[in-house]
Amino acid sequence: MNINKIRKTLYKIARILGDVNAVKKGKVGKRVGRRVAGKATGKALRKLFK
């Protein structure tokens, strides 16, 4: 098995576990906001350093 495939799978599992944890604690909105902010920041940085 490819190491990148394993890493990808582990990150996917971690993200799902984080979502489940956020639901349990009632902090889904905060998590979604952070994810959106992170994606926007990533896009902005990509454009800046392209």
PDB file of N, CA and C in Angstrom:
ATOM      1  N   MET A   1       0.843  -1.193   0.000  1.00  0.00           N
ATOM      2  CA  MET A   1       0.000   0.000   0.000  1.00  0.00           C
ATOM      3  C   MET A   1       0.887   1.254   0.000  1.00  0.00           C
ATOM      4  N   ASN A   2       0.457   2.223  -0.713  1.00  0.00           N
ATOM      5  CA  ASN A   2       1.187   3.479  -0.874  1.00  0.00           C
ATOM      6  C   ASN A   2       1.093   4.331   0.399  1.00  0.00           C
ATOM      7  N   ILE A   3       2.197   4.944   0.819  1.00  0.00           N
ATOM      8  CA  ILE A   3       2.225   5.753   2.046  1.00  0.00           C
ATOM      9  C   ILE A   3       1.298   6.963   1.930  1.00  0.00           C
ATOM     10  N   ASN A   4       1.190   7.535   0.728  1.00  0.00           N
ATOM     11  CA  ASN A   4       0.308   8.693   0.543  1.00  0.00           C
ATOM     12  C   ASN A   4      -1.154   8.310   0.703  1.00  0.00           C
ATOM     13  N   LYS A   5      -1.486   7.105   0.266  1.00  0.00           N
ATOM     14  CA  LYS A   5      -2.853   6.609   0.398  1.00  0.00           C
ATOM     15  C   LYS A   5      -3.205   6.424   1.879  1.00  0.00           C
ATOM     16  N   ILE A   6      -2.253   5.889   2.637  1.00  0.00           N
ATOM     17  CA  ILE A   6      -2.451   5.692   4.080  1.00  0.00           C
ATOM     18  C   ILE A   6      -2.626   7.039   4.772  1.00  0.00           C
ATOM     19  N   ARG A   7      -1.774   8.002   4.438  1.00  0.00           N
ATOM     20  CA  ARG A   7      -1.842   9.327   5.044  1.00  0.00           C
ATOM     21  C   ARG A   7      -3.186   9.993   4.743  1.00  0.00           C
ATOM     22  N   LYS A   8      -3.605   9.889   3.487  1.00  0.00           N
ATOM     23  CA  LYS A   8      -4.876  10.485   3.064  1.00  0.00           C
ATOM     24  C   LYS A   8      -6.040   9.879   3.863  1.00  0.00           C
ATOM     25  N   THR A   9      -6.006   8.573   4.015  1.00  0.00           N
ATOM     26  CA  THR A   9      -7.055   7.877   4.762  1.00  0.00           C
ATOM     27  C   THR A   9      -7.059   8.295   6.232  1.00  0.00           C
ATOM     28  N   LEU A  10      -5.885   8.404   6.826  1.00  0.00           N
ATOM     29  CA  LEU A  10      -5.796   8.799   8.232  1.00  0.00           C
ATOM     30  C   LEU A  10      -6.322  10.225   8.448  1.00  0.00           C
ATOM     31  N   TYR A  11      -5.970  11.137   7.541  1.00  0.00           N
ATOM     32  CA  TYR A  11      -6.460  12.510   7.664  1.00  0.00           C
ATOM     33  C   TYR A  11      -7.975  12.571   7.509  1.00  0.00           C
ATOM     34  N   LYS A  12      -8.511  11.740   6.606  1.00  0.00           N
ATOM     35  CA  LYS A  12      -9.959  11.705   6.390  1.00  0.00           C
ATOM     36  C   LYS A  12     -10.669  11.215   7.659  1.00  0.00           C
ATOM     37  N   ILE A  13     -10.112  10.174   8.274  1.00  0.00           N
ATOM     38  CA  ILE A  13     -10.678   9.639   9.513  1.00  0.00           C
ATOM     39  C   ILE A  13     -10.616  10.691  10.621  1.00  0.00           C
ATOM     40  N   ALA A  14      -9.481  11.392  10.718  1.00  0.00           N
ATOM     41  CA  ALA A  14      -9.327  12.429  11.752  1.00  0.00           C
ATOM     42  C   ALA A  14     -10.351  13.538  11.558  1.00  0.00           C
ATOM     43  N   ARG A  15     -10.602  13.913  10.304  1.00  0.00           N
ATOM     44  CA  ARG A  15     -11.576  14.971  10.036  1.00  0.00           C
ATOM     45  C   ARG A  15     -12.988  14.527  10.444  1.00  0.00           C
ATOM     46  N   ILE A  16     -13.323  13.279  10.149  1.00  0.00           N
ATOM     47  CA  ILE A  16     -14.637  12.749  10.520  1.00  0.00           C
ATOM     48  C   ILE A  16     -14.780  12.705  12.035  1.00  0.00           C
ATOM     49  N   LEU A  17     -13.733  12.246  12.730  1.00  0.00           N
ATOM     50  CA  LEU A  17     -13.770  12.192  14.193  1.00  0.00           C
ATOM     51  C   LEU A  17     -13.911  13.596  14.782  1.00  0.00           C
ATOM     52  N   GLY A  18     -13.253  14.578  14.186  1.00  0.00           N
ATOM     53  CA  GLY A  18     -13.384  15.962  14.632  1.00  0.00           C
ATOM     54  C   GLY A  18     -14.797  16.468  14.455  1.00  0.00           C
ATOM     55  N   ASP A  19     -15.433  16.095  13.334  1.00  0.00           N
ATOM     56  CA  ASP A  19     -16.824  16.498  13.085  1.00  0.00           C
ATOM     57  C   ASP A  19     -17.754  15.876  14.126  1.00  0.00           C
ATOM     58  N   VAL A  20     -17.542  14.605  14.412  1.00  0.00           N
ATOM     59  CA  VAL A  20     -18.375  13.902  15.403  1.00  0.00           C
ATOM     60  C   VAL A  20     -18.206  14.552  16.777  1.00  0.00           C
ATOM     61  N   ASN A  21     -16.966  14.882  17.122  1.00  0.00           N
ATOM     62  CA  ASN A  21     -16.681  15.520  18.404  1.00  0.00           C
ATOM     63  C   ASN A  21     -17.351  16.886  18.503  1.00  0.00           C
ATOM     64  N   ALA A  22     -17.331  17.644  17.393  1.00  0.00           N
ATOM     65  CA  ALA A  22     -17.962  18.966  17.374  1.00  0.00           C
ATOM     66  C   ALA A  22     -19.469  18.849  17.569  1.00  0.00           C
ATOM     67  N   VAL A  23     -20.076  17.830  16.972  1.00  0.00           N
ATOM     68  CA  VAL A  23     -21.517  17.615  17.122  1.00  0.00           C
ATOM     69  C   VAL A  23     -21.839  17.299  18.580  1.00  0.00           C
ATOM     70  N   LYS A  24     -21.018  16.439  19.191  1.00  0.00           N
ATOM     71  CA  LYS A  24     -21.245  16.068  20.592  1.00  0.00           C
ATOM     72  C   LYS A  24     -21.164  17.276  21.514  1.00  0.00           C
ATOM     73  N   LYS A  25     -20.202  18.176  21.237  1.00  0.00           N
ATOM     74  CA  LYS A  25     -19.993  19.343  22.092  1.00  0.00           C
ATOM     75  C   LYS A  25     -20.861  20.529  21.697  1.00  0.00           C
ATOM     76  N   GLY A  26     -21.570  20.422  20.574  1.00  0.00           N
ATOM     77  CA  GLY A  26     -22.434  21.500  20.120  1.00  0.00           C
ATOM     78  C   GLY A  26     -21.670  22.680  19.550  1.00  0.00           C
ATOM     79  N   LYS A  27     -20.532  22.412  18.927  1.00  0.00           N
ATOM     80  CA  LYS A  27     -19.702  23.499  18.387  1.00  0.00           C
ATOM     81  C   LYS A  27     -19.527  23.356  16.881  1.00  0.00           C
ATOM     82  N   VAL A  28     -20.599  22.926  16.213  1.00  0.00           N
ATOM     83  CA  VAL A  28     -20.529  22.696  14.772  1.00  0.00           C
ATOM     84  C   VAL A  28     -20.324  24.009  14.022  1.00  0.00           C
ATOM     85  N   GLY A  29     -21.047  25.048  14.410  1.00  0.00           N
ATOM     86  CA  GLY A  29     -20.948  26.343  13.737  1.00  0.00           C
ATOM     87  C   GLY A  29     -19.538  26.903  13.764  1.00  0.00           C
ATOM     88  N   LYS A  30     -18.904  26.801  14.916  1.00  0.00           N
ATOM     89  CA  LYS A  30     -17.531  27.294  15.069  1.00  0.00           C
ATOM     90  C   LYS A  30     -16.591  26.509  14.157  1.00  0.00           C
ATOM     91  N   ARG A  31     -16.782  25.191  14.095  1.00  0.00           N
ATOM     92  CA  ARG A  31     -15.926  24.335  13.261  1.00  0.00           C
ATOM     93  C   ARG A  31     -16.101  24.659  11.786  1.00  0.00           C
ATOM     94  N   VAL A  32     -17.348  24.841  11.363  1.00  0.00           N
ATOM     95  CA  VAL A  32     -17.622  25.169   9.960  1.00  0.00           C
ATOM     96  C   VAL A  32     -17.006  26.521   9.619  1.00  0.00           C
ATOM     97  N   GLY A  33     -17.136  27.489  10.515  1.00  0.00           N
ATOM     98  CA  GLY A  33     -16.559  28.815  10.291  1.00  0.00           C
ATOM     99  C   GLY A  33     -15.054  28.764  10.140  1.00  0.00           C
ATOM    100  N   ARG A  34     -14.416  27.982  10.981  1.00  0.00           N
ATOM    101  CA  ARG A  34     -12.956  27.855  10.897  1.00  0.00           C
ATOM    102  C   ARG A  34     -12.532  27.173   9.603  1.00  0.00           C
ATOM    103  N   ARG A  35     -13.299  26.171   9.183  1.00  0.00           N
ATOM    104  CA  ARG A  35     -12.960  25.463   7.947  1.00  0.00           C
ATOM    105  C   ARG A  35     -13.084  26.395   6.742  1.00  0.00           C
ATOM    106  N   VAL A  36     -14.146  27.201   6.709  1.00  0.00           N
ATOM    107  CA  VAL A  36     -14.347  28.160   5.616  1.00  0.00           C
ATOM    108  C   VAL A  36     -13.237  29.207   5.622  1.00  0.00           C
ATOM    109  N   ALA A  37     -12.908  29.708   6.804  1.00  0.00           N
ATOM    110  CA  ALA A  37     -11.846  30.714   6.914  1.00  0.00           C
ATOM    111  C   ALA A  37     -10.505  30.131   6.461  1.00  0.00           C
ATOM    112  N   GLY A  38     -10.240  28.892   6.804  1.00  0.00           N
ATOM    113  CA  GLY A  38      -8.994  28.238   6.410  1.00  0.00           C
ATOM    114  C   GLY A  38      -8.894  28.061   4.904  1.00  0.00           C
ATOM    115  N   LYS A  39     -10.010  27.681   4.276  1.00  0.00           N
ATOM    116  CA  LYS A  39     -10.003  27.511   2.820  1.00  0.00           C
ATOM    117  C   LYS A  39      -9.796  28.853   2.132  1.00  0.00           C
ATOM    118  N   ALA A  40     -10.435  29.909   2.634  1.00  0.00           N
ATOM    119  CA  ALA A  40     -10.285  31.238   2.047  1.00  0.00           C
ATOM    120  C   ALA A  40      -8.845  31.727   2.181  1.00  0.00           C
ATOM    121  N   THR A  41      -8.251  31.496   3.341  1.00  0.00           N
ATOM    122  CA  THR A  41      -6.863  31.893   3.568  1.00  0.00           C
ATOM    123  C   THR A  41      -5.935  31.136   2.625  1.00  0.00           C
ATOM    124  N   GLY A  42      -6.177  29.844   2.456  1.00  0.00           N
ATOM    125  CA  GLY A  42      -5.366  29.030   1.552  1.00  0.00           C
ATOM    126  C   GLY A  42      -5.438  29.532   0.116  1.00  0.00           C
ATOM    127  N   LYS A  43      -6.638  29.892  -0.326  1.00  0.00           N
ATOM    128  CA  LYS A  43      -6.793  30.408  -1.687  1.00  0.00           C
ATOM    129  C   LYS A  43      -6.064  31.731  -1.854  1.00  0.00           C
ATOM    130  N   ALA A  44      -6.180  32.599  -0.851  1.00  0.00           N
ATOM    131  CA  ALA A  44      -5.525  33.904  -0.919  1.00  0.00           C
ATOM    132  C   ALA A  44      -4.005  33.746  -0.962  1.00  0.00           C
ATOM    133  N   LEU A  45      -3.481  32.857  -0.139  1.00  0.00           N
ATOM    134  CA  LEU A  45      -2.030  32.631  -0.119  1.00  0.00           C
ATOM    135  C   LEU A  45      -1.548  32.007  -1.441  1.00  0.00           C
ATOM    136  N   ARG A  46      -2.368  31.117  -1.992  1.00  0.00           N
ATOM    137  CA  ARG A  46      -1.996  30.508  -3.273  1.00  0.00           C
ATOM    138  C   ARG A  46      -1.865  31.566  -4.363  1.00  0.00           C
ATOM    139  N   LYS A  47      -2.824  32.508  -4.389  1.00  0.00           N
ATOM    140  CA  LYS A  47      -2.783  33.584  -5.382  1.00  0.00           C
ATOM    141  C   LYS A  47      -1.583  34.503  -5.141  1.00  0.00           C
ATOM    142  N   LEU A  48      -1.276  34.741  -3.888  1.00  0.00           N
ATOM    143  CA  LEU A  48      -0.185  35.644  -3.524  1.00  0.00           C
ATOM    144  C   LEU A  48       1.172  35.087  -3.951  1.00  0.00           C
ATOM    145  N   PHE A  49       1.377  33.781  -3.765  1.00  0.00           N
ATOM    146  CA  PHE A  49       2.677  33.178  -4.037  1.00  0.00           C
ATOM    147  C   PHE A  49       2.738  32.434  -5.370  1.00  0.00           C
ATOM    148  N   LYS A  50       1.787  32.672  -6.232  1.00  0.00           N
ATOM    149  CA  LYS A  50       1.759  31.984  -7.525  1.00  0.00           C
ATOM    150  C   LYS A  50       2.721  32.569  -8.510  1.00  0.00           C
TER     151      LYS A  50
END
